[in-house]
């Protein structure tokens, strides 16, 4: 039997430049919005739902979040780049998925991996350094525990290192390959095993 592996391709989206739609206003919608804004406070998000939790309303006030009190309609996909369906009605979530497929929009149906183009994994942020963790949709709890582990073991000063290396990179003369070679040499000690 061949070993199963994670074939997902991780990317870091500039969600400030994208339009995100969340369908649903319950616990799951609030959780998705919370994680999205924690990672990208400047994300542009629209949420469509017949009702909203108090916490969601408060979160919306802190970011670029538009709340629309209504049931889902296909027209709400207009101008959106990515969509997250979180309703407690499976038929609505599947309809959102089908509409997104038809319009070639990225879609995530919460807790339903076959109806997802992407997953929202665990995220560790230390200044400019960001690590995304995926378990291939198999175990969000494991991703959460790994996030907690990395938050603890990665020093907060890692951001100082990144900034200093960026400043150093600007001073290096030569073409791209020469700069990469010098930076590789300069940072080699970070990954060398200590005897």
N, C-alpha and C. Protein backbone atom coordinates (compact mmCIF):
# COMPACT_ATOMS: atom_id res chain seq x y z
N UNK A 1 0.83 -1.18 0.00
CA UNK A 1 0.00 0.00 0.00
C UNK A 1 0.88 1.25 0.00
N UNK A 2 0.63 2.19 -0.90
CA UNK A 2 1.45 3.39 -0.94
C UNK A 2 1.09 4.32 0.22
N UNK A 3 2.09 5.05 0.68
CA UNK A 3 1.89 5.95 1.81
C UNK A 3 1.06 7.15 1.38
N UNK A 4 0.04 7.47 2.17
CA UNK A 4 -0.79 8.63 1.87
C UNK A 4 0.00 9.89 2.18
N UNK A 5 -0.18 10.93 1.35
CA UNK A 5 0.53 12.18 1.60
C UNK A 5 -0.38 13.37 1.33
N UNK A 6 0.06 14.50 1.80
CA UNK A 6 -0.68 15.75 1.64
C UNK A 6 -0.23 16.40 0.33
N UNK A 7 -1.13 16.48 -0.65
CA UNK A 7 -0.80 17.07 -1.95
C UNK A 7 -1.28 18.51 -2.09
N UNK A 8 -1.73 19.11 -1.00
CA UNK A 8 -2.20 20.48 -1.05
C UNK A 8 -1.04 21.43 -1.30
N UNK A 9 -1.29 22.51 -2.02
CA UNK A 9 -0.25 23.50 -2.29
C UNK A 9 -0.50 24.74 -1.42
N UNK A 10 0.39 25.01 -0.45
CA UNK A 10 0.16 26.16 0.43
C UNK A 10 0.48 27.48 -0.26
N UNK A 11 -0.40 28.46 -0.09
CA UNK A 11 -0.15 29.81 -0.61
C UNK A 11 -0.52 30.81 0.48
N UNK A 12 0.02 32.02 0.38
CA UNK A 12 -0.32 33.08 1.32
C UNK A 12 -1.03 34.17 0.54
N UNK A 13 -2.32 34.33 0.81
CA UNK A 13 -3.16 35.25 0.05
C UNK A 13 -3.13 36.65 0.65
N UNK A 14 -3.09 37.65 -0.22
CA UNK A 14 -3.22 39.05 0.20
C UNK A 14 -4.72 39.35 0.22
N UNK A 15 -5.39 38.95 1.30
CA UNK A 15 -6.85 39.05 1.32
C UNK A 15 -7.35 40.49 1.38
N UNK A 16 -6.46 41.43 1.62
CA UNK A 16 -6.85 42.84 1.55
C UNK A 16 -7.24 43.19 0.11
N UNK A 17 -6.65 42.48 -0.85
CA UNK A 17 -6.90 42.74 -2.26
C UNK A 17 -7.98 41.84 -2.84
N UNK A 18 -8.55 40.97 -2.01
CA UNK A 18 -9.58 40.03 -2.47
C UNK A 18 -10.90 40.31 -1.76
N UNK A 19 -11.96 39.77 -2.31
CA UNK A 19 -13.28 39.88 -1.69
C UNK A 19 -13.68 38.49 -1.21
N UNK A 20 -13.93 38.38 0.09
CA UNK A 20 -14.29 37.10 0.70
C UNK A 20 -15.75 37.13 1.12
N UNK A 21 -16.47 36.05 0.83
CA UNK A 21 -17.86 35.92 1.25
C UNK A 21 -17.99 34.75 2.22
N UNK A 22 -18.64 35.00 3.36
CA UNK A 22 -18.99 33.92 4.28
C UNK A 22 -20.51 33.80 4.26
N UNK A 23 -21.01 32.59 4.03
CA UNK A 23 -22.45 32.34 4.02
C UNK A 23 -22.79 31.64 5.33
N UNK A 24 -23.63 32.28 6.13
CA UNK A 24 -23.99 31.74 7.44
C UNK A 24 -23.60 32.70 8.54
N UNK A 25 -24.33 32.66 9.66
CA UNK A 25 -24.06 33.60 10.74
C UNK A 25 -23.96 32.96 12.11
N UNK A 26 -23.77 31.65 12.14
CA UNK A 26 -23.71 30.94 13.42
C UNK A 26 -22.31 30.82 13.99
N UNK A 27 -22.14 29.83 14.87
CA UNK A 27 -20.85 29.60 15.54
C UNK A 27 -19.70 29.41 14.57
N UNK A 28 -19.93 28.59 13.54
CA UNK A 28 -18.85 28.26 12.60
C UNK A 28 -18.45 29.50 11.80
N UNK A 29 -19.42 30.29 11.39
CA UNK A 29 -19.12 31.52 10.66
C UNK A 29 -18.29 32.46 11.52
N UNK A 30 -18.66 32.57 12.78
CA UNK A 30 -17.91 33.44 13.69
C UNK A 30 -16.48 32.93 13.90
N UNK A 31 -16.35 31.61 14.00
CA UNK A 31 -15.03 31.02 14.16
C UNK A 31 -14.16 31.29 12.93
N UNK A 32 -14.72 31.09 11.74
CA UNK A 32 -13.97 31.34 10.50
C UNK A 32 -13.57 32.81 10.39
N UNK A 33 -14.50 33.70 10.71
CA UNK A 33 -14.21 35.14 10.67
C UNK A 33 -13.13 35.50 11.68
N UNK A 34 -13.21 34.94 12.88
CA UNK A 34 -12.22 35.21 13.92
C UNK A 34 -10.82 34.84 13.45
N UNK A 35 -10.66 33.63 12.89
CA UNK A 35 -9.34 33.19 12.44
C UNK A 35 -8.85 34.00 11.25
N UNK A 36 -9.78 34.34 10.36
CA UNK A 36 -9.42 35.13 9.18
C UNK A 36 -8.90 36.51 9.61
N UNK A 37 -9.63 37.17 10.51
CA UNK A 37 -9.22 38.51 10.95
C UNK A 37 -8.00 38.47 11.87
N UNK A 38 -7.83 37.38 12.60
CA UNK A 38 -6.64 37.26 13.45
C UNK A 38 -5.39 37.21 12.57
N UNK A 39 -5.47 36.47 11.48
CA UNK A 39 -4.33 36.34 10.58
C UNK A 39 -4.21 37.55 9.66
N UNK A 40 -5.34 38.06 9.18
CA UNK A 40 -5.35 39.17 8.22
C UNK A 40 -6.38 40.22 8.65
N UNK A 41 -6.01 41.09 9.58
CA UNK A 41 -6.97 42.08 10.09
C UNK A 41 -7.53 43.01 9.02
N UNK A 42 -6.84 43.11 7.87
CA UNK A 42 -7.30 43.99 6.79
C UNK A 42 -8.12 43.26 5.73
N UNK A 43 -8.51 42.01 6.01
CA UNK A 43 -9.30 41.23 5.05
C UNK A 43 -10.64 41.91 4.78
N UNK A 44 -11.06 41.87 3.50
CA UNK A 44 -12.37 42.42 3.12
C UNK A 44 -13.38 41.26 3.07
N UNK A 45 -14.34 41.30 3.99
CA UNK A 45 -15.25 40.17 4.14
C UNK A 45 -16.71 40.64 4.12
N UNK A 46 -17.54 39.88 3.43
CA UNK A 46 -18.99 40.08 3.47
C UNK A 46 -19.60 38.81 4.06
N UNK A 47 -20.53 38.97 4.99
CA UNK A 47 -21.22 37.80 5.55
C UNK A 47 -22.71 37.95 5.27
N UNK A 48 -23.29 36.88 4.73
CA UNK A 48 -24.72 36.85 4.43
C UNK A 48 -25.38 35.80 5.32
N UNK A 49 -26.39 36.23 6.07
CA UNK A 49 -27.11 35.31 6.94
C UNK A 49 -28.42 35.96 7.39
N UNK A 50 -29.46 35.16 7.64
CA UNK A 50 -30.71 35.72 8.16
C UNK A 50 -30.53 36.27 9.59
N UNK A 51 -29.49 35.77 10.31
CA UNK A 51 -29.23 36.25 11.68
C UNK A 51 -27.73 36.25 11.95
N UNK A 52 -27.31 37.06 12.94
CA UNK A 52 -25.90 37.12 13.32
C UNK A 52 -25.78 37.02 14.84
N UNK A 53 -24.75 36.31 15.27
CA UNK A 53 -24.43 36.24 16.70
C UNK A 53 -23.90 37.61 17.16
N UNK A 54 -24.06 37.88 18.42
CA UNK A 54 -23.57 39.15 19.00
C UNK A 54 -22.06 39.30 18.77
N UNK A 55 -21.33 38.18 18.96
CA UNK A 55 -19.87 38.19 18.78
C UNK A 55 -19.47 38.53 17.35
N UNK A 56 -20.24 38.05 16.39
CA UNK A 56 -19.96 38.33 14.98
C UNK A 56 -20.15 39.82 14.69
N UNK A 57 -21.20 40.39 15.25
CA UNK A 57 -21.48 41.82 15.06
C UNK A 57 -20.33 42.65 15.63
N UNK A 58 -19.83 42.26 16.80
CA UNK A 58 -18.70 42.97 17.43
C UNK A 58 -17.43 42.84 16.59
N UNK A 59 -17.17 41.63 16.10
CA UNK A 59 -15.99 41.39 15.24
C UNK A 59 -16.05 42.25 13.98
N UNK A 60 -17.24 42.33 13.40
CA UNK A 60 -17.43 43.07 12.15
C UNK A 60 -17.05 44.53 12.32
N UNK A 61 -17.32 45.08 13.51
CA UNK A 61 -17.01 46.49 13.78
C UNK A 61 -15.51 46.75 13.78
N UNK A 62 -14.71 45.71 14.06
CA UNK A 62 -13.25 45.87 14.17
C UNK A 62 -12.53 45.77 12.83
N UNK A 63 -13.22 45.24 11.82
CA UNK A 63 -12.55 45.04 10.53
C UNK A 63 -13.38 45.58 9.37
N UNK A 64 -12.90 45.26 8.16
CA UNK A 64 -13.61 45.67 6.94
C UNK A 64 -14.65 44.60 6.60
N UNK A 65 -15.62 44.45 7.50
CA UNK A 65 -16.62 43.37 7.39
C UNK A 65 -18.00 43.97 7.17
N UNK A 66 -18.68 43.49 6.13
CA UNK A 66 -20.04 43.92 5.82
C UNK A 66 -21.01 42.79 6.17
N UNK A 67 -22.01 43.10 6.99
CA UNK A 67 -23.02 42.11 7.35
C UNK A 67 -24.29 42.37 6.55
N UNK A 68 -24.79 41.33 5.89
CA UNK A 68 -26.03 41.45 5.12
C UNK A 68 -27.04 40.45 5.68
N UNK A 69 -28.14 40.99 6.23
CA UNK A 69 -29.16 40.15 6.83
C UNK A 69 -30.11 39.65 5.74
N UNK A 70 -29.82 38.44 5.25
CA UNK A 70 -30.61 37.88 4.15
C UNK A 70 -30.26 36.40 4.00
N UNK A 71 -31.10 35.67 3.29
CA UNK A 71 -30.78 34.29 2.93
C UNK A 71 -29.85 34.31 1.74
N UNK A 72 -29.10 33.21 1.56
CA UNK A 72 -28.15 33.13 0.45
C UNK A 72 -28.86 33.18 -0.91
N UNK A 73 -28.29 33.98 -1.80
CA UNK A 73 -28.72 34.02 -3.20
C UNK A 73 -27.45 34.01 -4.04
N UNK A 74 -27.53 33.42 -5.22
CA UNK A 74 -26.36 33.33 -6.11
C UNK A 74 -25.75 34.70 -6.38
N UNK A 75 -26.58 35.74 -6.42
CA UNK A 75 -26.08 37.08 -6.74
C UNK A 75 -25.05 37.58 -5.73
N UNK A 76 -25.04 37.01 -4.52
CA UNK A 76 -24.05 37.42 -3.51
C UNK A 76 -22.62 36.98 -3.88
N UNK A 77 -22.51 36.11 -4.87
CA UNK A 77 -21.18 35.68 -5.33
C UNK A 77 -20.53 36.73 -6.24
N UNK A 78 -21.32 37.65 -6.76
CA UNK A 78 -20.79 38.66 -7.69
C UNK A 78 -19.62 39.42 -7.07
N UNK A 79 -18.50 39.44 -7.77
CA UNK A 79 -17.33 40.18 -7.32
C UNK A 79 -16.52 39.50 -6.22
N UNK A 80 -16.94 38.31 -5.79
CA UNK A 80 -16.22 37.62 -4.73
C UNK A 80 -15.17 36.68 -5.32
N UNK A 81 -14.04 36.57 -4.63
CA UNK A 81 -12.96 35.70 -5.08
C UNK A 81 -12.97 34.35 -4.37
N UNK A 82 -13.32 34.39 -3.09
CA UNK A 82 -13.36 33.13 -2.35
C UNK A 82 -14.54 33.14 -1.39
N UNK A 83 -15.09 31.93 -1.18
CA UNK A 83 -16.35 31.79 -0.46
C UNK A 83 -16.22 30.69 0.59
N UNK A 84 -16.80 30.96 1.77
CA UNK A 84 -16.82 29.97 2.84
C UNK A 84 -18.28 29.76 3.24
N UNK A 85 -18.76 28.52 3.11
CA UNK A 85 -20.16 28.20 3.45
C UNK A 85 -20.18 27.53 4.83
N UNK A 86 -20.98 28.11 5.74
CA UNK A 86 -20.96 27.62 7.13
C UNK A 86 -22.36 27.38 7.70
N UNK A 87 -23.39 27.33 6.85
CA UNK A 87 -24.75 27.22 7.40
C UNK A 87 -24.98 25.84 8.00
N UNK A 88 -26.04 25.73 8.80
CA UNK A 88 -26.38 24.42 9.38
C UNK A 88 -27.35 23.66 8.47
N UNK A 89 -27.50 24.16 7.23
CA UNK A 89 -28.36 23.50 6.25
C UNK A 89 -27.49 22.93 5.13
N UNK A 90 -27.27 21.60 5.14
CA UNK A 90 -26.40 20.99 4.13
C UNK A 90 -26.79 21.33 2.69
N UNK A 91 -28.10 21.43 2.42
CA UNK A 91 -28.53 21.71 1.04
C UNK A 91 -28.11 23.12 0.60
N UNK A 92 -28.09 24.07 1.54
CA UNK A 92 -27.63 25.43 1.21
C UNK A 92 -26.13 25.41 0.95
N UNK A 93 -25.37 24.73 1.80
CA UNK A 93 -23.92 24.65 1.63
C UNK A 93 -23.55 24.00 0.29
N UNK A 94 -24.26 22.94 -0.07
CA UNK A 94 -24.00 22.26 -1.35
C UNK A 94 -24.36 23.19 -2.52
N UNK A 95 -25.43 23.95 -2.37
CA UNK A 95 -25.82 24.90 -3.42
C UNK A 95 -24.73 25.97 -3.60
N UNK A 96 -24.20 26.47 -2.49
CA UNK A 96 -23.10 27.44 -2.54
C UNK A 96 -21.92 26.82 -3.29
N UNK A 97 -21.60 25.58 -2.94
CA UNK A 97 -20.49 24.88 -3.60
C UNK A 97 -20.74 24.78 -5.11
N UNK A 98 -21.91 24.32 -5.50
CA UNK A 98 -22.24 24.15 -6.92
C UNK A 98 -22.17 25.48 -7.67
N UNK A 99 -22.72 26.54 -7.06
CA UNK A 99 -22.68 27.87 -7.68
C UNK A 99 -21.24 28.35 -7.85
N UNK A 100 -20.42 28.12 -6.85
CA UNK A 100 -19.01 28.52 -6.92
C UNK A 100 -18.26 27.74 -8.00
N UNK A 101 -18.54 26.45 -8.11
CA UNK A 101 -17.89 25.63 -9.15
C UNK A 101 -18.25 26.18 -10.53
N UNK A 102 -19.53 26.51 -10.68
CA UNK A 102 -20.02 27.02 -11.96
C UNK A 102 -19.35 28.34 -12.33
N UNK A 103 -19.08 29.17 -11.32
CA UNK A 103 -18.49 30.48 -11.56
C UNK A 103 -16.97 30.50 -11.34
N UNK A 104 -16.39 29.33 -11.12
CA UNK A 104 -14.94 29.17 -10.93
C UNK A 104 -14.40 30.03 -9.78
N UNK A 105 -15.12 29.97 -8.66
CA UNK A 105 -14.68 30.68 -7.46
C UNK A 105 -14.18 29.66 -6.45
N UNK A 106 -13.16 30.01 -5.70
CA UNK A 106 -12.65 29.12 -4.67
C UNK A 106 -13.68 29.03 -3.55
N UNK A 107 -13.93 27.81 -3.07
CA UNK A 107 -14.96 27.62 -2.06
C UNK A 107 -14.52 26.61 -0.99
N UNK A 108 -14.95 26.88 0.23
CA UNK A 108 -14.73 25.97 1.36
C UNK A 108 -16.08 25.77 2.03
N UNK A 109 -16.55 24.52 2.07
CA UNK A 109 -17.75 24.20 2.83
C UNK A 109 -17.26 23.62 4.16
N UNK A 110 -17.51 24.35 5.23
CA UNK A 110 -16.98 23.98 6.55
C UNK A 110 -17.29 22.54 6.92
N UNK A 111 -16.28 21.84 7.41
CA UNK A 111 -16.41 20.46 7.88
C UNK A 111 -16.94 19.50 6.82
N UNK A 112 -16.62 19.78 5.56
CA UNK A 112 -17.06 18.90 4.47
C UNK A 112 -15.98 18.85 3.39
N UNK A 113 -14.86 18.14 3.65
CA UNK A 113 -13.70 18.14 2.75
C UNK A 113 -13.98 17.90 1.27
N UNK A 114 -14.92 17.01 0.89
CA UNK A 114 -15.15 16.83 -0.55
C UNK A 114 -15.68 18.10 -1.24
N UNK A 115 -16.24 19.02 -0.47
CA UNK A 115 -16.78 20.26 -1.02
C UNK A 115 -15.88 21.46 -0.70
N UNK A 116 -14.57 21.22 -0.75
CA UNK A 116 -13.60 22.28 -0.46
C UNK A 116 -12.52 22.37 -1.53
N UNK A 117 -12.26 23.60 -1.99
CA UNK A 117 -11.09 23.85 -2.85
C UNK A 117 -9.88 24.17 -1.99
N UNK A 118 -10.12 24.59 -0.75
CA UNK A 118 -9.05 24.96 0.16
C UNK A 118 -9.50 24.69 1.59
N UNK A 119 -8.52 24.54 2.47
CA UNK A 119 -8.78 24.41 3.90
C UNK A 119 -8.16 25.61 4.61
N UNK A 120 -8.74 25.97 5.73
CA UNK A 120 -8.16 27.03 6.56
C UNK A 120 -7.41 26.33 7.69
N UNK A 121 -6.09 26.25 7.55
CA UNK A 121 -5.27 25.47 8.49
C UNK A 121 -4.89 26.26 9.72
N UNK A 122 -4.06 25.62 10.56
CA UNK A 122 -3.50 26.28 11.73
C UNK A 122 -2.45 27.29 11.28
N UNK A 123 -2.39 28.43 11.96
CA UNK A 123 -1.47 29.49 11.54
C UNK A 123 -0.69 30.00 12.75
N UNK A 124 0.63 30.09 12.57
CA UNK A 124 1.50 30.68 13.58
C UNK A 124 2.09 31.95 12.98
N UNK A 125 1.96 33.08 13.70
CA UNK A 125 2.50 34.35 13.21
C UNK A 125 3.44 34.95 14.25
N UNK A 126 4.65 35.26 13.81
CA UNK A 126 5.63 35.97 14.65
C UNK A 126 6.15 37.12 13.81
N UNK A 127 5.48 38.26 13.86
CA UNK A 127 5.89 39.42 13.06
C UNK A 127 5.74 39.11 11.59
N UNK A 128 6.85 39.14 10.84
CA UNK A 128 6.83 38.86 9.40
C UNK A 128 6.84 37.36 9.08
N UNK A 129 7.09 36.54 10.07
CA UNK A 129 7.17 35.09 9.85
C UNK A 129 5.79 34.47 10.10
N UNK A 130 5.34 33.72 9.12
CA UNK A 130 4.03 33.05 9.24
C UNK A 130 4.20 31.61 8.78
N UNK A 131 3.67 30.69 9.58
CA UNK A 131 3.73 29.26 9.26
C UNK A 131 2.30 28.75 9.20
N UNK A 132 1.96 28.10 8.10
CA UNK A 132 0.63 27.50 7.96
C UNK A 132 0.75 25.99 8.13
N UNK A 133 -0.21 25.40 8.83
CA UNK A 133 -0.17 23.97 9.13
C UNK A 133 -1.41 23.30 8.56
N UNK A 134 -1.21 22.22 7.84
CA UNK A 134 -2.33 21.48 7.27
C UNK A 134 -2.23 20.00 7.63
N UNK A 135 -3.36 19.40 7.94
CA UNK A 135 -3.42 17.95 8.14
C UNK A 135 -4.25 17.32 7.02
N UNK A 136 -4.31 18.02 5.87
CA UNK A 136 -5.04 17.51 4.71
C UNK A 136 -6.54 17.36 4.99
N UNK A 137 -7.05 18.19 5.91
CA UNK A 137 -8.47 18.13 6.25
C UNK A 137 -8.84 16.96 7.15
N UNK A 138 -7.84 16.23 7.63
CA UNK A 138 -8.11 15.02 8.41
C UNK A 138 -8.29 15.29 9.90
N UNK A 139 -7.52 16.25 10.44
CA UNK A 139 -7.58 16.47 11.89
C UNK A 139 -7.28 17.91 12.27
N UNK A 140 -8.31 18.77 12.29
CA UNK A 140 -8.10 20.15 12.72
C UNK A 140 -7.51 20.25 14.14
N UNK A 141 -7.83 19.27 15.00
CA UNK A 141 -7.30 19.27 16.37
C UNK A 141 -5.78 19.13 16.36
N UNK A 142 -5.25 18.27 15.49
CA UNK A 142 -3.80 18.11 15.40
C UNK A 142 -3.16 19.41 14.91
N UNK A 143 -3.78 20.06 13.92
CA UNK A 143 -3.27 21.34 13.42
C UNK A 143 -3.24 22.37 14.55
N UNK A 144 -4.27 22.37 15.36
CA UNK A 144 -4.35 23.30 16.50
C UNK A 144 -3.21 23.04 17.49
N UNK A 145 -2.98 21.77 17.82
CA UNK A 145 -1.92 21.42 18.77
C UNK A 145 -0.54 21.77 18.20
N UNK A 146 -0.34 21.53 16.91
CA UNK A 146 0.94 21.88 16.28
C UNK A 146 1.14 23.40 16.30
N UNK A 147 0.05 24.13 16.07
CA UNK A 147 0.12 25.60 16.12
C UNK A 147 0.58 26.05 17.50
N UNK A 148 -0.02 25.47 18.54
CA UNK A 148 0.35 25.83 19.90
C UNK A 148 1.82 25.50 20.18
N UNK A 149 2.26 24.34 19.67
CA UNK A 149 3.66 23.92 19.85
C UNK A 149 4.61 24.93 19.19
N UNK A 150 4.34 25.28 17.93
CA UNK A 150 5.22 26.21 17.21
C UNK A 150 5.19 27.61 17.79
N UNK A 151 4.03 28.03 18.28
CA UNK A 151 3.95 29.35 18.92
C UNK A 151 4.88 29.42 20.13
N UNK A 152 5.01 28.28 20.81
CA UNK A 152 5.87 28.23 21.99
C UNK A 152 7.35 28.15 21.65
N UNK A 153 7.71 27.31 20.67
CA UNK A 153 9.14 27.05 20.41
C UNK A 153 9.80 28.08 19.48
N UNK A 154 9.03 28.77 18.65
CA UNK A 154 9.64 29.77 17.77
C UNK A 154 9.76 31.08 18.55
N UNK A 155 10.99 31.57 18.70
CA UNK A 155 11.17 32.79 19.52
C UNK A 155 10.55 34.02 18.86
N UNK A 156 10.05 34.91 19.70
CA UNK A 156 9.49 36.17 19.19
C UNK A 156 10.55 36.98 18.45
N UNK A 157 11.82 36.79 18.81
CA UNK A 157 12.91 37.57 18.19
C UNK A 157 13.20 37.12 16.75
N UNK A 158 12.49 36.08 16.28
CA UNK A 158 12.69 35.64 14.89
C UNK A 158 12.41 36.80 13.93
N UNK A 159 11.50 37.68 14.30
CA UNK A 159 11.17 38.82 13.43
C UNK A 159 12.35 39.78 13.31
N UNK A 160 13.12 39.96 14.39
CA UNK A 160 14.32 40.80 14.33
C UNK A 160 15.31 40.22 13.33
N UNK A 161 15.47 38.89 13.36
CA UNK A 161 16.38 38.23 12.43
C UNK A 161 15.96 38.48 10.99
N UNK A 162 14.67 38.33 10.72
CA UNK A 162 14.15 38.53 9.36
C UNK A 162 14.41 39.96 8.90
N UNK A 163 14.13 40.93 9.77
CA UNK A 163 14.35 42.34 9.40
C UNK A 163 15.83 42.63 9.16
N UNK A 164 16.68 42.08 10.03
CA UNK A 164 18.13 42.29 9.86
C UNK A 164 18.64 41.67 8.57
N UNK A 165 18.15 40.47 8.25
CA UNK A 165 18.56 39.82 7.00
C UNK A 165 18.07 40.59 5.78
N UNK A 166 16.89 41.18 5.89
CA UNK A 166 16.37 41.99 4.80
C UNK A 166 17.26 43.22 4.58
N UNK A 167 17.67 43.86 5.68
CA UNK A 167 18.57 45.02 5.58
C UNK A 167 19.91 44.59 4.97
N UNK A 168 20.43 43.43 5.43
CA UNK A 168 21.70 42.92 4.92
C UNK A 168 21.59 42.61 3.42
N UNK A 169 20.49 42.01 3.02
CA UNK A 169 20.27 41.65 1.61
C UNK A 169 20.38 42.86 0.70
N UNK A 170 19.89 44.01 1.18
CA UNK A 170 19.93 45.24 0.38
C UNK A 170 21.35 45.75 0.16
N UNK A 171 22.28 45.35 1.03
CA UNK A 171 23.66 45.83 0.91
C UNK A 171 24.53 44.94 0.01
N UNK A 172 24.04 43.73 -0.30
CA UNK A 172 24.84 42.78 -1.08
C UNK A 172 24.90 43.20 -2.54
N UNK A 173 26.11 43.17 -3.09
CA UNK A 173 26.31 43.51 -4.51
C UNK A 173 26.22 42.24 -5.34
N UNK A 174 25.99 42.38 -6.64
CA UNK A 174 25.98 41.23 -7.54
C UNK A 174 24.58 40.90 -8.03
N UNK A 175 24.52 39.84 -8.83
CA UNK A 175 23.23 39.42 -9.39
C UNK A 175 22.45 38.58 -8.38
N UNK A 176 21.28 38.16 -8.79
CA UNK A 176 20.37 37.43 -7.90
C UNK A 176 21.03 36.17 -7.34
N UNK A 177 21.70 35.39 -8.21
CA UNK A 177 22.32 34.14 -7.77
C UNK A 177 23.41 34.39 -6.73
N UNK A 178 24.20 35.43 -6.95
CA UNK A 178 25.27 35.75 -6.01
C UNK A 178 24.69 36.17 -4.65
N UNK A 179 23.59 36.92 -4.68
CA UNK A 179 22.95 37.35 -3.44
C UNK A 179 22.41 36.14 -2.68
N UNK A 180 21.77 35.22 -3.41
CA UNK A 180 21.22 34.01 -2.78
C UNK A 180 22.35 33.20 -2.15
N UNK A 181 23.46 33.07 -2.88
CA UNK A 181 24.61 32.30 -2.38
C UNK A 181 25.15 32.92 -1.08
N UNK A 182 25.29 34.24 -1.06
CA UNK A 182 25.79 34.92 0.14
C UNK A 182 24.83 34.77 1.32
N UNK A 183 23.54 34.92 1.04
CA UNK A 183 22.56 34.77 2.12
C UNK A 183 22.51 33.34 2.64
N UNK A 184 22.65 32.36 1.73
CA UNK A 184 22.68 30.96 2.15
C UNK A 184 23.87 30.70 3.06
N UNK A 185 25.01 31.24 2.70
CA UNK A 185 26.23 31.07 3.50
C UNK A 185 26.05 31.74 4.86
N UNK A 186 25.50 32.93 4.84
CA UNK A 186 25.33 33.74 6.05
C UNK A 186 24.36 33.09 7.04
N UNK A 187 23.34 32.40 6.53
CA UNK A 187 22.30 31.82 7.40
C UNK A 187 22.49 30.32 7.66
N UNK A 188 23.53 29.74 7.11
CA UNK A 188 23.75 28.29 7.25
C UNK A 188 23.77 27.84 8.71
N UNK A 189 24.34 28.65 9.56
CA UNK A 189 24.47 28.27 10.98
C UNK A 189 23.12 28.12 11.67
N UNK A 190 22.07 28.70 11.10
CA UNK A 190 20.74 28.57 11.71
C UNK A 190 20.22 27.15 11.69
N UNK A 191 20.62 26.38 10.68
CA UNK A 191 20.09 25.02 10.55
C UNK A 191 21.14 23.94 10.80
N UNK A 192 22.38 24.32 11.04
CA UNK A 192 23.42 23.32 11.33
C UNK A 192 23.19 22.73 12.70
N UNK A 193 23.34 21.41 12.79
CA UNK A 193 23.18 20.75 14.08
C UNK A 193 24.39 21.04 14.96
N UNK A 194 24.11 21.39 16.20
CA UNK A 194 25.19 21.66 17.14
C UNK A 194 25.71 20.34 17.70
N UNK A 195 27.03 20.20 17.73
CA UNK A 195 27.66 18.96 18.27
C UNK A 195 27.62 18.97 19.78
